[in-house]
């Protein structure tokens, strides 16, 4: 008679099959906008229900029309990055002003709402772990107000601080983000994440004052024309292409992406390397999920980020694409 243990013995094979079948990129142009009580326009880009073999992570994109605001709601932890536009957010009654390339961290179950006060639509990318929260039975989503025009809204209180009352940081603007300093990385002491990119800025990380648990938009990096990143492997990673286009070689597969797409690296310790084979620079955002860190801690030999070495034993770090002259 077969028992639960027989099923457990097959788990690794079943997981590997799922990972082999996961999509590796969410193509912005193929995902339609939808309207929800929260957003006039939004799209779910990464989720288990879309076929991605995630560790419970989600990526969404939203747009706020000129002169409009989102709904007001509360749910699990969220990290949000402004791609275009300017405005402000009210989080638990506290105002935070933002502009292009500001990053806002919203604590678990904090009431929040976003307002477009600029002259162009606001575009933002958001990381959440709603799938994970639902799996472990702590998912909560409460809609308090729906989206609409700003109209005759009463003036919001002025921004007083970039920090929440508990001392944790709420927002960082790109002009305030440290540049090319590995001590600001959450994993700065790990060789595999050093010399990974040509230009790096550090966003929602503990050394910048943020207190994050399940999700954070941690880095923005730039690779110049005809350059590649370092080559390494680790658990789940999500990368949003802000500008440019290129490709990622991942476990022998070549995945092309362009601005607006989300690159998905599954939790399988697959070797990968990002390449910009175009005359314009590329700009990308890293969305980090805390569940990866948890498994890194409990099994560091298996899941810690690891640098890949070339045939001569030299670590593969960022640099110019080697070009060989044809005879």
C-alpha atoms as a PDB file:
ATOM      1  CA  UNK A   1       0.000   0.000   0.000  1.00  0.00           C
ATOM      2  CA  UNK A   2       1.343   3.432  -0.957  1.00  0.00           C
ATOM      3  CA  UNK A   3       1.570   6.046   1.774  1.00  0.00           C
ATOM      4  CA  UNK A   4       2.242   9.772   2.028  1.00  0.00           C
ATOM      5  CA  UNK A   5       5.938   8.898   2.245  1.00  0.00           C
ATOM      6  CA  UNK A   6       5.958   7.534  -1.275  1.00  0.00           C
ATOM      7  CA  UNK A   7       4.591  10.863  -2.442  1.00  0.00           C
ATOM      8  CA  UNK A   8       7.264  12.718  -0.473  1.00  0.00           C
ATOM      9  CA  UNK A   9       9.968  10.660  -2.140  1.00  0.00           C
ATOM     10  CA  UNK A  10       8.754  11.912  -5.511  1.00  0.00           C
ATOM     11  CA  UNK A  11       8.696  15.567  -4.383  1.00  0.00           C
ATOM     12  CA  UNK A  12      12.086  16.546  -5.762  1.00  0.00           C
ATOM     13  CA  UNK A  13      11.289  15.166  -9.204  1.00  0.00           C
ATOM     14  CA  UNK A  14       7.939  16.955  -9.196  1.00  0.00           C
ATOM     15  CA  UNK A  15       9.563  20.242  -8.116  1.00  0.00           C
ATOM     16  CA  UNK A  16      12.269  19.976 -10.767  1.00  0.00           C
ATOM     17  CA  UNK A  17       9.630  19.366 -13.438  1.00  0.00           C
ATOM     18  CA  UNK A  18       7.718  22.455 -12.318  1.00  0.00           C
ATOM     19  CA  UNK A  19      10.866  24.585 -12.337  1.00  0.00           C
ATOM     20  CA  UNK A  20      11.803  23.398 -15.819  1.00  0.00           C
ATOM     21  CA  UNK A  21       8.396  24.531 -17.100  1.00  0.00           C
ATOM     22  CA  UNK A  22       8.236  27.952 -15.437  1.00  0.00           C
ATOM     23  CA  UNK A  23       8.127  31.068 -17.629  1.00  0.00           C
ATOM     24  CA  UNK A  24      11.364  33.058 -17.404  1.00  0.00           C
ATOM     25  CA  UNK A  25      10.040  36.443 -18.493  1.00  0.00           C
ATOM     26  CA  UNK A  26       6.777  38.396 -18.184  1.00  0.00           C
ATOM     27  CA  UNK A  27       6.440  40.400 -21.390  1.00  0.00           C
ATOM     28  CA  UNK A  28       4.851  43.766 -20.744  1.00  0.00           C
ATOM     29  CA  UNK A  29       3.418  44.089 -24.254  1.00  0.00           C
ATOM     30  CA  UNK A  30       1.537  40.785 -23.900  1.00  0.00           C
ATOM     31  CA  UNK A  31      -0.167  41.542 -20.578  1.00  0.00           C
ATOM     32  CA  UNK A  32      -3.380  43.591 -20.806  1.00  0.00           C
ATOM     33  CA  UNK A  33      -4.262  46.379 -18.411  1.00  0.00           C
ATOM     34  CA  UNK A  34      -7.250  45.758 -16.160  1.00  0.00           C
ATOM     35  CA  UNK A  35      -9.246  47.992 -13.842  1.00  0.00           C
ATOM     36  CA  UNK A  36      -9.675  47.135 -10.170  1.00  0.00           C
ATOM     37  CA  UNK A  37     -11.231  49.003  -7.221  1.00  0.00           C
ATOM     38  CA  UNK A  38      -7.673  50.063  -6.349  1.00  0.00           C
ATOM     39  CA  UNK A  39      -6.263  51.072  -9.754  1.00  0.00           C
ATOM     40  CA  UNK A  40      -7.669  52.574 -12.934  1.00  0.00           C
ATOM     41  CA  UNK A  41      -5.023  50.562 -14.788  1.00  0.00           C
ATOM     42  CA  UNK A  42      -2.916  47.721 -13.440  1.00  0.00           C
ATOM     43  CA  UNK A  43      -1.482  44.406 -14.538  1.00  0.00           C
ATOM     44  CA  UNK A  44      -0.353  41.341 -12.628  1.00  0.00           C
ATOM     45  CA  UNK A  45       2.997  40.295 -14.098  1.00  0.00           C
ATOM     46  CA  UNK A  46       4.378  37.530 -11.871  1.00  0.00           C
ATOM     47  CA  UNK A  47       2.276  35.111  -9.820  1.00  0.00           C
ATOM     48  CA  UNK A  48       1.823  31.399  -9.339  1.00  0.00           C
ATOM     49  CA  UNK A  49      -1.519  31.583 -11.128  1.00  0.00           C
ATOM     50  CA  UNK A  50       0.315  32.851 -14.230  1.00  0.00           C
ATOM     51  CA  UNK A  51       2.495  29.744 -14.329  1.00  0.00           C
ATOM     52  CA  UNK A  52       5.572  31.156 -12.572  1.00  0.00           C
ATOM     53  CA  UNK A  53       7.128  28.676 -10.139  1.00  0.00           C
ATOM     54  CA  UNK A  54       7.638  31.294  -7.435  1.00  0.00           C
ATOM     55  CA  UNK A  55       8.323  31.074  -3.721  1.00  0.00           C
ATOM     56  CA  UNK A  56       5.094  33.031  -3.214  1.00  0.00           C
ATOM     57  CA  UNK A  57       6.158  36.319  -4.793  1.00  0.00           C
ATOM     58  CA  UNK A  58       4.128  38.738  -6.911  1.00  0.00           C
ATOM     59  CA  UNK A  59       4.980  41.638  -9.207  1.00  0.00           C
ATOM     60  CA  UNK A  60       2.390  44.191 -10.328  1.00  0.00           C
ATOM     61  CA  UNK A  61       2.476  47.345 -12.413  1.00  0.00           C
ATOM     62  CA  UNK A  62       0.051  50.224 -12.027  1.00  0.00           C
ATOM     63  CA  UNK A  63      -0.768  53.548 -13.649  1.00  0.00           C
ATOM     64  CA  UNK A  64      -2.427  56.574 -12.042  1.00  0.00           C
ATOM     65  CA  UNK A  65      -3.949  59.100 -14.514  1.00  0.00           C
ATOM     66  CA  UNK A  66      -3.148  62.788 -14.247  1.00  0.00           C
ATOM     67  CA  UNK A  67      -5.251  64.337 -11.494  1.00  0.00           C
ATOM     68  CA  UNK A  68      -6.324  60.983 -10.039  1.00  0.00           C
ATOM     69  CA  UNK A  69      -5.637  58.885  -6.977  1.00  0.00           C
ATOM     70  CA  UNK A  70      -5.668  55.163  -6.315  1.00  0.00           C
ATOM     71  CA  UNK A  71      -8.073  53.524  -3.946  1.00  0.00           C
ATOM     72  CA  UNK A  72      -7.249  53.224  -0.281  1.00  0.00           C
ATOM     73  CA  UNK A  73      -6.526  49.759   1.058  1.00  0.00           C
ATOM     74  CA  UNK A  74      -4.338  47.669   3.334  1.00  0.00           C
ATOM     75  CA  UNK A  75      -2.699  44.273   2.918  1.00  0.00           C
ATOM     76  CA  UNK A  76       0.668  42.570   3.436  1.00  0.00           C
ATOM     77  CA  UNK A  77       4.069  44.205   3.066  1.00  0.00           C
ATOM     78  CA  UNK A  78       4.725  45.991  -0.236  1.00  0.00           C
ATOM     79  CA  UNK A  79       7.690  47.653  -1.918  1.00  0.00           C
ATOM     80  CA  UNK A  80       6.889  50.204  -4.612  1.00  0.00           C
ATOM     81  CA  UNK A  81       9.100  52.057  -7.105  1.00  0.00           C
ATOM     82  CA  UNK A  82       7.974  55.072  -9.139  1.00  0.00           C
ATOM     83  CA  UNK A  83       8.894  54.624 -12.805  1.00  0.00           C
ATOM     84  CA  UNK A  84       7.327  57.872 -14.077  1.00  0.00           C
ATOM     85  CA  UNK A  85       5.567  60.904 -12.618  1.00  0.00           C
ATOM     86  CA  UNK A  86       5.314  62.641  -9.280  1.00  0.00           C
ATOM     87  CA  UNK A  87       2.908  62.815  -6.379  1.00  0.00           C
ATOM     88  CA  UNK A  88       2.595  61.586  -2.828  1.00  0.00           C
ATOM     89  CA  UNK A  89       1.330  58.698  -0.726  1.00  0.00           C
ATOM     90  CA  UNK A  90      -0.542  58.706   2.560  1.00  0.00           C
ATOM     91  CA  UNK A  91       0.513  55.746   4.718  1.00  0.00           C
ATOM     92  CA  UNK A  92      -1.298  55.400   8.050  1.00  0.00           C
ATOM     93  CA  UNK A  93      -2.065  59.116   7.885  1.00  0.00           C
ATOM     94  CA  UNK A  94       1.530  60.163   7.143  1.00  0.00           C
ATOM     95  CA  UNK A  95       2.464  61.865   3.856  1.00  0.00           C
ATOM     96  CA  UNK A  96       5.467  60.916   1.729  1.00  0.00           C
ATOM     97  CA  UNK A  97       6.259  62.892  -1.444  1.00  0.00           C
ATOM     98  CA  UNK A  98       7.826  61.056  -4.372  1.00  0.00           C
ATOM     99  CA  UNK A  99       9.048  61.470  -7.942  1.00  0.00           C
ATOM    100  CA  UNK A 100      10.623  59.360 -10.673  1.00  0.00           C
ATOM    101  CA  UNK A 101      12.818  56.620  -9.161  1.00  0.00           C
ATOM    102  CA  UNK A 102      11.658  57.063  -5.572  1.00  0.00           C
ATOM    103  CA  UNK A 103      11.194  53.796  -3.657  1.00  0.00           C
ATOM    104  CA  UNK A 104       8.478  53.482  -0.983  1.00  0.00           C
ATOM    105  CA  UNK A 105       8.272  50.677   1.587  1.00  0.00           C
ATOM    106  CA  UNK A 106       4.787  49.952   2.975  1.00  0.00           C
ATOM    107  CA  UNK A 107       4.607  47.903   6.190  1.00  0.00           C
ATOM    108  CA  UNK A 108       2.317  44.928   6.689  1.00  0.00           C
ATOM    109  CA  UNK A 109      -1.348  45.990   6.906  1.00  0.00           C
ATOM    110  CA  UNK A 110      -0.597  49.705   6.758  1.00  0.00           C
ATOM    111  CA  UNK A 111      -3.446  51.772   5.294  1.00  0.00           C
ATOM    112  CA  UNK A 112      -2.208  53.563   2.169  1.00  0.00           C
ATOM    113  CA  UNK A 113      -3.267  55.564  -0.900  1.00  0.00           C
ATOM    114  CA  UNK A 114      -1.329  57.204  -3.764  1.00  0.00           C
ATOM    115  CA  UNK A 115      -1.986  60.576  -5.470  1.00  0.00           C
ATOM    116  CA  UNK A 116      -0.791  61.861  -8.851  1.00  0.00           C
ATOM    117  CA  UNK A 117      -0.067  65.599  -8.609  1.00  0.00           C
ATOM    118  CA  UNK A 118       2.075  65.895 -11.741  1.00  0.00           C
ATOM    119  CA  UNK A 119       1.496  66.538 -15.438  1.00  0.00           C
ATOM    120  CA  UNK A 120       2.002  62.966 -16.715  1.00  0.00           C
ATOM    121  CA  UNK A 121       0.496  59.606 -15.718  1.00  0.00           C
ATOM    122  CA  UNK A 122       2.269  57.970 -12.795  1.00  0.00           C
ATOM    123  CA  UNK A 123       3.690  54.532 -13.558  1.00  0.00           C
ATOM    124  CA  UNK A 124       4.905  52.288 -10.753  1.00  0.00           C
ATOM    125  CA  UNK A 125       6.144  48.748 -10.198  1.00  0.00           C
ATOM    126  CA  UNK A 126       5.212  46.887  -7.031  1.00  0.00           C
ATOM    127  CA  UNK A 127       6.518  43.803  -5.251  1.00  0.00           C
ATOM    128  CA  UNK A 128       4.337  41.818  -2.844  1.00  0.00           C
ATOM    129  CA  UNK A 129       4.114  38.268  -1.462  1.00  0.00           C
ATOM    130  CA  UNK A 130       0.357  37.807  -1.493  1.00  0.00           C
ATOM    131  CA  UNK A 131       0.679  34.244  -2.825  1.00  0.00           C
ATOM    132  CA  UNK A 132       2.945  33.313   0.083  1.00  0.00           C
ATOM    133  CA  UNK A 133       0.732  35.084   2.630  1.00  0.00           C
ATOM    134  CA  UNK A 134      -2.302  33.225   1.297  1.00  0.00           C
ATOM    135  CA  UNK A 135      -0.469  29.890   1.482  1.00  0.00           C
ATOM    136  CA  UNK A 136       0.497  30.402   5.137  1.00  0.00           C
ATOM    137  CA  UNK A 137      -3.003  31.745   5.952  1.00  0.00           C
ATOM    138  CA  UNK A 138      -2.080  35.324   6.857  1.00  0.00           C
ATOM    139  CA  UNK A 139      -3.302  37.019   3.651  1.00  0.00           C
ATOM    140  CA  UNK A 140      -5.444  40.094   4.282  1.00  0.00           C
ATOM    141  CA  UNK A 141      -6.725  42.601   1.706  1.00  0.00           C
ATOM    142  CA  UNK A 142      -9.224  45.233   2.813  1.00  0.00           C
ATOM    143  CA  UNK A 143     -10.493  47.850   0.355  1.00  0.00           C
ATOM    144  CA  UNK A 144     -11.427  51.069   2.161  1.00  0.00           C
ATOM    145  CA  UNK A 145     -11.999  53.454  -0.798  1.00  0.00           C
ATOM    146  CA  UNK A 146     -11.954  53.139  -4.582  1.00  0.00           C
ATOM    147  CA  UNK A 147      -9.860  55.048  -7.121  1.00  0.00           C
ATOM    148  CA  UNK A 148     -11.078  58.338  -8.572  1.00  0.00           C
ATOM    149  CA  UNK A 149     -10.261  61.935  -9.577  1.00  0.00           C
ATOM    150  CA  UNK A 150      -8.608  64.146  -6.977  1.00  0.00           C
ATOM    151  CA  UNK A 151     -11.364  66.747  -7.463  1.00  0.00           C
ATOM    152  CA  UNK A 152     -12.090  68.721  -4.327  1.00  0.00           C
ATOM    153  CA  UNK A 153     -10.007  66.640  -1.964  1.00  0.00           C
ATOM    154  CA  UNK A 154      -9.003  68.426   1.201  1.00  0.00           C
ATOM    155  CA  UNK A 155      -5.292  69.336   1.221  1.00  0.00           C
ATOM    156  CA  UNK A 156      -3.156  66.539   2.620  1.00  0.00           C
ATOM    157  CA  UNK A 157      -0.804  67.338   5.507  1.00  0.00           C
ATOM    158  CA  UNK A 158       2.710  68.312   4.439  1.00  0.00           C
ATOM    159  CA  UNK A 159       5.482  65.751   4.484  1.00  0.00           C
ATOM    160  CA  UNK A 160       7.303  65.838   7.813  1.00  0.00           C
ATOM    161  CA  UNK A 161       9.780  62.975   7.583  1.00  0.00           C
ATOM    162  CA  UNK A 162      11.089  60.090   5.461  1.00  0.00           C
ATOM    163  CA  UNK A 163      10.628  57.785   8.442  1.00  0.00           C
ATOM    164  CA  UNK A 164       7.761  56.050  10.196  1.00  0.00           C
ATOM    165  CA  UNK A 165       7.090  56.674  13.903  1.00  0.00           C
ATOM    166  CA  UNK A 166       8.844  53.400  14.807  1.00  0.00           C
ATOM    167  CA  UNK A 167      12.109  54.732  13.317  1.00  0.00           C
ATOM    168  CA  UNK A 168      12.119  52.640  10.151  1.00  0.00           C
ATOM    169  CA  UNK A 169      12.577  54.384   6.815  1.00  0.00           C
ATOM    170  CA  UNK A 170       9.590  54.757   4.501  1.00  0.00           C
ATOM    171  CA  UNK A 171      11.060  56.255   1.326  1.00  0.00           C
ATOM    172  CA  UNK A 172      14.327  56.895  -0.493  1.00  0.00           C
ATOM    173  CA  UNK A 173      14.817  59.098  -3.555  1.00  0.00           C
ATOM    174  CA  UNK A 174      17.258  58.048  -6.231  1.00  0.00           C
ATOM    175  CA  UNK A 175      19.419  61.126  -5.679  1.00  0.00           C
ATOM    176  CA  UNK A 176      19.899  60.053  -2.052  1.00  0.00           C
ATOM    177  CA  UNK A 177      20.744  56.425  -2.823  1.00  0.00           C
ATOM    178  CA  UNK A 178      24.399  55.399  -2.262  1.00  0.00           C
ATOM    179  CA  UNK A 179      26.361  54.426  -5.373  1.00  0.00           C
ATOM    180  CA  UNK A 180      28.801  51.531  -5.942  1.00  0.00           C
ATOM    181  CA  UNK A 181      29.434  50.852  -2.257  1.00  0.00           C
ATOM    182  CA  UNK A 182      29.208  47.106  -1.526  1.00  0.00           C
ATOM    183  CA  UNK A 183      28.884  47.756   2.209  1.00  0.00           C
ATOM    184  CA  UNK A 184      25.333  48.952   1.492  1.00  0.00           C
ATOM    185  CA  UNK A 185      24.313  45.601   0.046  1.00  0.00           C
ATOM    186  CA  UNK A 186      22.297  43.208   2.168  1.00  0.00           C
ATOM    187  CA  UNK A 187      24.813  40.587   1.044  1.00  0.00           C
ATOM    188  CA  UNK A 188      27.868  42.792   0.645  1.00  0.00           C
ATOM    189  CA  UNK A 189      30.123  40.246   2.353  1.00  0.00           C
ATOM    190  CA  UNK A 190      29.335  37.511  -0.184  1.00  0.00           C
ATOM    191  CA  UNK A 191      31.812  37.339  -3.061  1.00  0.00           C
ATOM    192  CA  UNK A 192      29.121  36.215  -5.497  1.00  0.00           C
ATOM    193  CA  UNK A 193      27.314  39.568  -5.358  1.00  0.00           C
ATOM    194  CA  UNK A 194      30.390  41.778  -5.524  1.00  0.00           C
ATOM    195  CA  UNK A 195      31.501  43.213  -8.888  1.00  0.00           C
ATOM    196  CA  UNK A 196      28.219  42.036 -10.329  1.00  0.00           C
ATOM    197  CA  UNK A 197      27.309  45.266 -12.140  1.00  0.00           C
ATOM    198  CA  UNK A 198      29.082  48.307 -13.568  1.00  0.00           C
ATOM    199  CA  UNK A 199      26.905  50.880 -11.743  1.00  0.00           C
ATOM    200  CA  UNK A 200      24.802  50.098  -8.669  1.00  0.00           C
ATOM    201  CA  UNK A 201      22.545  52.146  -6.387  1.00  0.00           C
ATOM    202  CA  UNK A 202      21.198  50.847  -3.092  1.00  0.00           C
ATOM    203  CA  UNK A 203      17.536  51.403  -2.264  1.00  0.00           C
ATOM    204  CA  UNK A 204      15.337  49.670   0.354  1.00  0.00           C
ATOM    205  CA  UNK A 205      18.122  48.044   2.372  1.00  0.00           C
ATOM    206  CA  UNK A 206      18.745  47.893   6.134  1.00  0.00           C
ATOM    207  CA  UNK A 207      21.823  50.153   5.972  1.00  0.00           C
ATOM    208  CA  UNK A 208      19.603  52.843   4.451  1.00  0.00           C
ATOM    209  CA  UNK A 209      17.290  52.575   7.456  1.00  0.00           C
ATOM    210  CA  UNK A 210      14.637  50.263   6.012  1.00  0.00           C
ATOM    211  CA  UNK A 211      13.071  47.470   8.029  1.00  0.00           C
ATOM    212  CA  UNK A 212      11.893  44.870   5.528  1.00  0.00           C
ATOM    213  CA  UNK A 213      10.739  41.305   6.029  1.00  0.00           C
ATOM    214  CA  UNK A 214       9.133  39.707   2.994  1.00  0.00           C
ATOM    215  CA  UNK A 215       9.817  42.027   0.037  1.00  0.00           C
ATOM    216  CA  UNK A 216      11.985  45.014  -0.893  1.00  0.00           C
ATOM    217  CA  UNK A 217      13.082  46.793  -4.073  1.00  0.00           C
ATOM    218  CA  UNK A 218      16.745  46.787  -3.161  1.00  0.00           C
ATOM    219  CA  UNK A 219      18.926  47.831  -6.112  1.00  0.00           C
ATOM    220  CA  UNK A 220      18.962  49.774  -9.347  1.00  0.00           C
ATOM    221  CA  UNK A 221      21.833  48.977 -11.689  1.00  0.00           C
ATOM    222  CA  UNK A 222      23.096  50.118 -15.077  1.00  0.00           C
ATOM    223  CA  UNK A 223      25.211  48.234 -17.596  1.00  0.00           C
ATOM    224  CA  UNK A 224      26.853  50.301 -20.363  1.00  0.00           C
ATOM    225  CA  UNK A 225      26.552  49.462 -24.045  1.00  0.00           C
ATOM    226  CA  UNK A 226      28.073  46.103 -24.979  1.00  0.00           C
ATOM    227  CA  UNK A 227      28.692  45.017 -21.398  1.00  0.00           C
ATOM    228  CA  UNK A 228      27.660  42.008 -19.354  1.00  0.00           C
ATOM    229  CA  UNK A 229      26.988  41.456 -15.660  1.00  0.00           C
ATOM    230  CA  UNK A 230      28.817  38.977 -13.468  1.00  0.00           C
ATOM    231  CA  UNK A 231      27.829  35.334 -13.643  1.00  0.00           C
ATOM    232  CA  UNK A 232      26.511  33.642 -10.524  1.00  0.00           C
ATOM    233  CA  UNK A 233      23.700  31.501  -9.122  1.00  0.00           C
ATOM    234  CA  UNK A 234      21.276  31.780  -6.223  1.00  0.00           C
ATOM    235  CA  UNK A 235      17.654  31.216  -5.293  1.00  0.00           C
ATOM    236  CA  UNK A 236      14.707  33.185  -6.676  1.00  0.00           C
ATOM    237  CA  UNK A 237      15.389  36.584  -8.270  1.00  0.00           C
ATOM    238  CA  UNK A 238      13.129  39.082  -9.996  1.00  0.00           C
ATOM    239  CA  UNK A 239      14.514  41.833 -12.228  1.00  0.00           C
ATOM    240  CA  UNK A 240      12.459  44.616 -13.830  1.00  0.00           C
ATOM    241  CA  UNK A 241      13.848  46.162 -17.038  1.00  0.00           C
ATOM    242  CA  UNK A 242      13.497  49.924 -16.678  1.00  0.00           C
ATOM    243  CA  UNK A 243      15.349  50.928 -19.835  1.00  0.00           C
ATOM    244  CA  UNK A 244      17.019  49.237 -22.790  1.00  0.00           C
ATOM    245  CA  UNK A 245      16.987  45.650 -23.969  1.00  0.00           C
ATOM    246  CA  UNK A 246      19.248  42.644 -23.808  1.00  0.00           C
ATOM    247  CA  UNK A 247      19.271  38.988 -22.913  1.00  0.00           C
ATOM    248  CA  UNK A 248      20.009  36.692 -20.009  1.00  0.00           C
ATOM    249  CA  UNK A 249      21.703  33.348 -20.432  1.00  0.00           C
ATOM    250  CA  UNK A 250      20.225  31.080 -17.770  1.00  0.00           C
ATOM    251  CA  UNK A 251      21.030  27.404 -17.364  1.00  0.00           C
ATOM    252  CA  UNK A 252      21.775  27.109 -21.078  1.00  0.00           C
ATOM    253  CA  UNK A 253      18.668  29.065 -22.139  1.00  0.00           C
ATOM    254  CA  UNK A 254      18.795  32.503 -23.768  1.00  0.00           C
ATOM    255  CA  UNK A 255      15.996  34.782 -22.562  1.00  0.00           C
ATOM    256  CA  UNK A 256      15.505  38.080 -24.396  1.00  0.00           C
ATOM    257  CA  UNK A 257      13.861  41.018 -22.610  1.00  0.00           C
ATOM    258  CA  UNK A 258      13.154  44.697 -23.185  1.00  0.00           C
ATOM    259  CA  UNK A 259      12.052  47.728 -21.180  1.00  0.00           C
ATOM    260  CA  UNK A 260       8.864  46.975 -19.251  1.00  0.00           C
ATOM    261  CA  UNK A 261       9.495  43.235 -18.976  1.00  0.00           C
ATOM    262  CA  UNK A 262      10.086  41.273 -15.773  1.00  0.00           C
ATOM    263  CA  UNK A 263      12.876  38.692 -15.846  1.00  0.00           C
ATOM    264  CA  UNK A 264      12.221  35.756 -13.534  1.00  0.00           C
ATOM    265  CA  UNK A 265      15.024  33.579 -12.157  1.00  0.00           C
ATOM    266  CA  UNK A 266      13.395  30.544 -10.486  1.00  0.00           C
ATOM    267  CA  UNK A 267      14.502  29.188  -7.081  1.00  0.00           C
ATOM    268  CA  UNK A 268      16.704  26.533  -8.643  1.00  0.00           C
ATOM    269  CA  UNK A 269      20.305  27.809  -8.250  1.00  0.00           C
ATOM    270  CA  UNK A 270      20.591  28.238 -12.013  1.00  0.00           C
ATOM    271  CA  UNK A 271      23.696  29.933 -13.363  1.00  0.00           C
ATOM    272  CA  UNK A 272      22.849  33.187 -15.124  1.00  0.00           C
ATOM    273  CA  UNK A 273      24.373  36.299 -16.633  1.00  0.00           C
ATOM    274  CA  UNK A 274      22.772  39.451 -18.068  1.00  0.00           C
ATOM    275  CA  UNK A 275      24.116  40.873 -21.332  1.00  0.00           C
ATOM    276  CA  UNK A 276      23.609  44.233 -23.017  1.00  0.00           C
ATOM    277  CA  UNK A 277      24.532  43.669 -26.664  1.00  0.00           C
ATOM    278  CA  UNK A 278      23.088  47.022 -27.753  1.00  0.00           C
ATOM    279  CA  UNK A 279      24.550  50.540 -28.234  1.00  0.00           C
ATOM    280  CA  UNK A 280      22.468  52.010 -25.390  1.00  0.00           C
ATOM    281  CA  UNK A 281      22.818  51.352 -21.646  1.00  0.00           C
ATOM    282  CA  UNK A 282      20.356  49.160 -19.786  1.00  0.00           C
ATOM    283  CA  UNK A 283      18.787  49.999 -16.425  1.00  0.00           C
ATOM    284  CA  UNK A 284      17.233  47.332 -14.186  1.00  0.00           C
ATOM    285  CA  UNK A 285      15.607  47.029 -10.754  1.00  0.00           C
ATOM    286  CA  UNK A 286      16.050  44.105  -8.377  1.00  0.00           C
ATOM    287  CA  UNK A 287      13.026  43.014  -6.352  1.00  0.00           C
ATOM    288  CA  UNK A 288      14.109  40.839  -3.420  1.00  0.00           C
ATOM    289  CA  UNK A 289      11.876  38.465  -1.491  1.00  0.00           C
ATOM    290  CA  UNK A 290      12.554  37.518   2.119  1.00  0.00           C
ATOM    291  CA  UNK A 291      11.653  33.855   1.776  1.00  0.00           C
ATOM    292  CA  UNK A 292      14.848  33.406  -0.249  1.00  0.00           C
ATOM    293  CA  UNK A 293      16.903  34.776   2.643  1.00  0.00           C
ATOM    294  CA  UNK A 294      15.230  32.371   5.050  1.00  0.00           C
ATOM    295  CA  UNK A 295      16.220  29.318   3.016  1.00  0.00           C
ATOM    296  CA  UNK A 296      19.712  30.731   2.509  1.00  0.00           C
ATOM    297  CA  UNK A 297      20.087  30.789   6.287  1.00  0.00           C
ATOM    298  CA  UNK A 298      18.774  27.280   6.952  1.00  0.00           C
ATOM    299  CA  UNK A 299      20.841  25.616   4.210  1.00  0.00           C
ATOM    300  CA  UNK A 300      23.716  27.977   3.333  1.00  0.00           C
ATOM    301  CA  UNK A 301      25.852  25.352   1.582  1.00  0.00           C
ATOM    302  CA  UNK A 302      23.097  24.685  -0.904  1.00  0.00           C
ATOM    303  CA  UNK A 303      21.411  28.032  -1.396  1.00  0.00           C
ATOM    304  CA  UNK A 304      23.943  30.801  -0.737  1.00  0.00           C
ATOM    305  CA  UNK A 305      24.749  32.971  -3.759  1.00  0.00           C
ATOM    306  CA  UNK A 306      27.775  31.543  -5.562  1.00  0.00           C
ATOM    307  CA  UNK A 307      30.073  33.140  -8.153  1.00  0.00           C
ATOM    308  CA  UNK A 308      30.768  31.178 -11.345  1.00  0.00           C
ATOM    309  CA  UNK A 309      34.368  30.803 -12.537  1.00  0.00           C
ATOM    310  CA  UNK A 310      35.750  30.511 -16.056  1.00  0.00           C
ATOM    311  CA  UNK A 311      37.984  27.691 -17.318  1.00  0.00           C
ATOM    312  CA  UNK A 312      41.092  29.391 -15.927  1.00  0.00           C
ATOM    313  CA  UNK A 313      39.608  29.690 -12.451  1.00  0.00           C
ATOM    314  CA  UNK A 314      38.903  33.421 -12.719  1.00  0.00           C
ATOM    315  CA  UNK A 315      35.545  34.669 -11.341  1.00  0.00           C
ATOM    316  CA  UNK A 316      33.192  35.936 -14.039  1.00  0.00           C
ATOM    317  CA  UNK A 317      32.477  39.546 -13.055  1.00  0.00           C
ATOM    318  CA  UNK A 318      30.922  42.466 -14.927  1.00  0.00           C
ATOM    319  CA  UNK A 319      32.786  43.867 -17.906  1.00  0.00           C
ATOM    320  CA  UNK A 320      32.864  44.574 -21.625  1.00  0.00           C
ATOM    321  CA  UNK A 321      31.742  41.861 -24.009  1.00  0.00           C
ATOM    322  CA  UNK A 322      34.811  40.205 -25.460  1.00  0.00           C
ATOM    323  CA  UNK A 323      34.867  40.605 -29.211  1.00  0.00           C
ATOM    324  CA  UNK A 324      36.973  38.312 -31.358  1.00  0.00           C
ATOM    325  CA  UNK A 325      38.199  39.640 -34.704  1.00  0.00           C
ATOM    326  CA  UNK A 326      37.160  37.417 -37.601  1.00  0.00           C
ATOM    327  CA  UNK A 327      40.000  36.207 -39.801  1.00  0.00           C
END
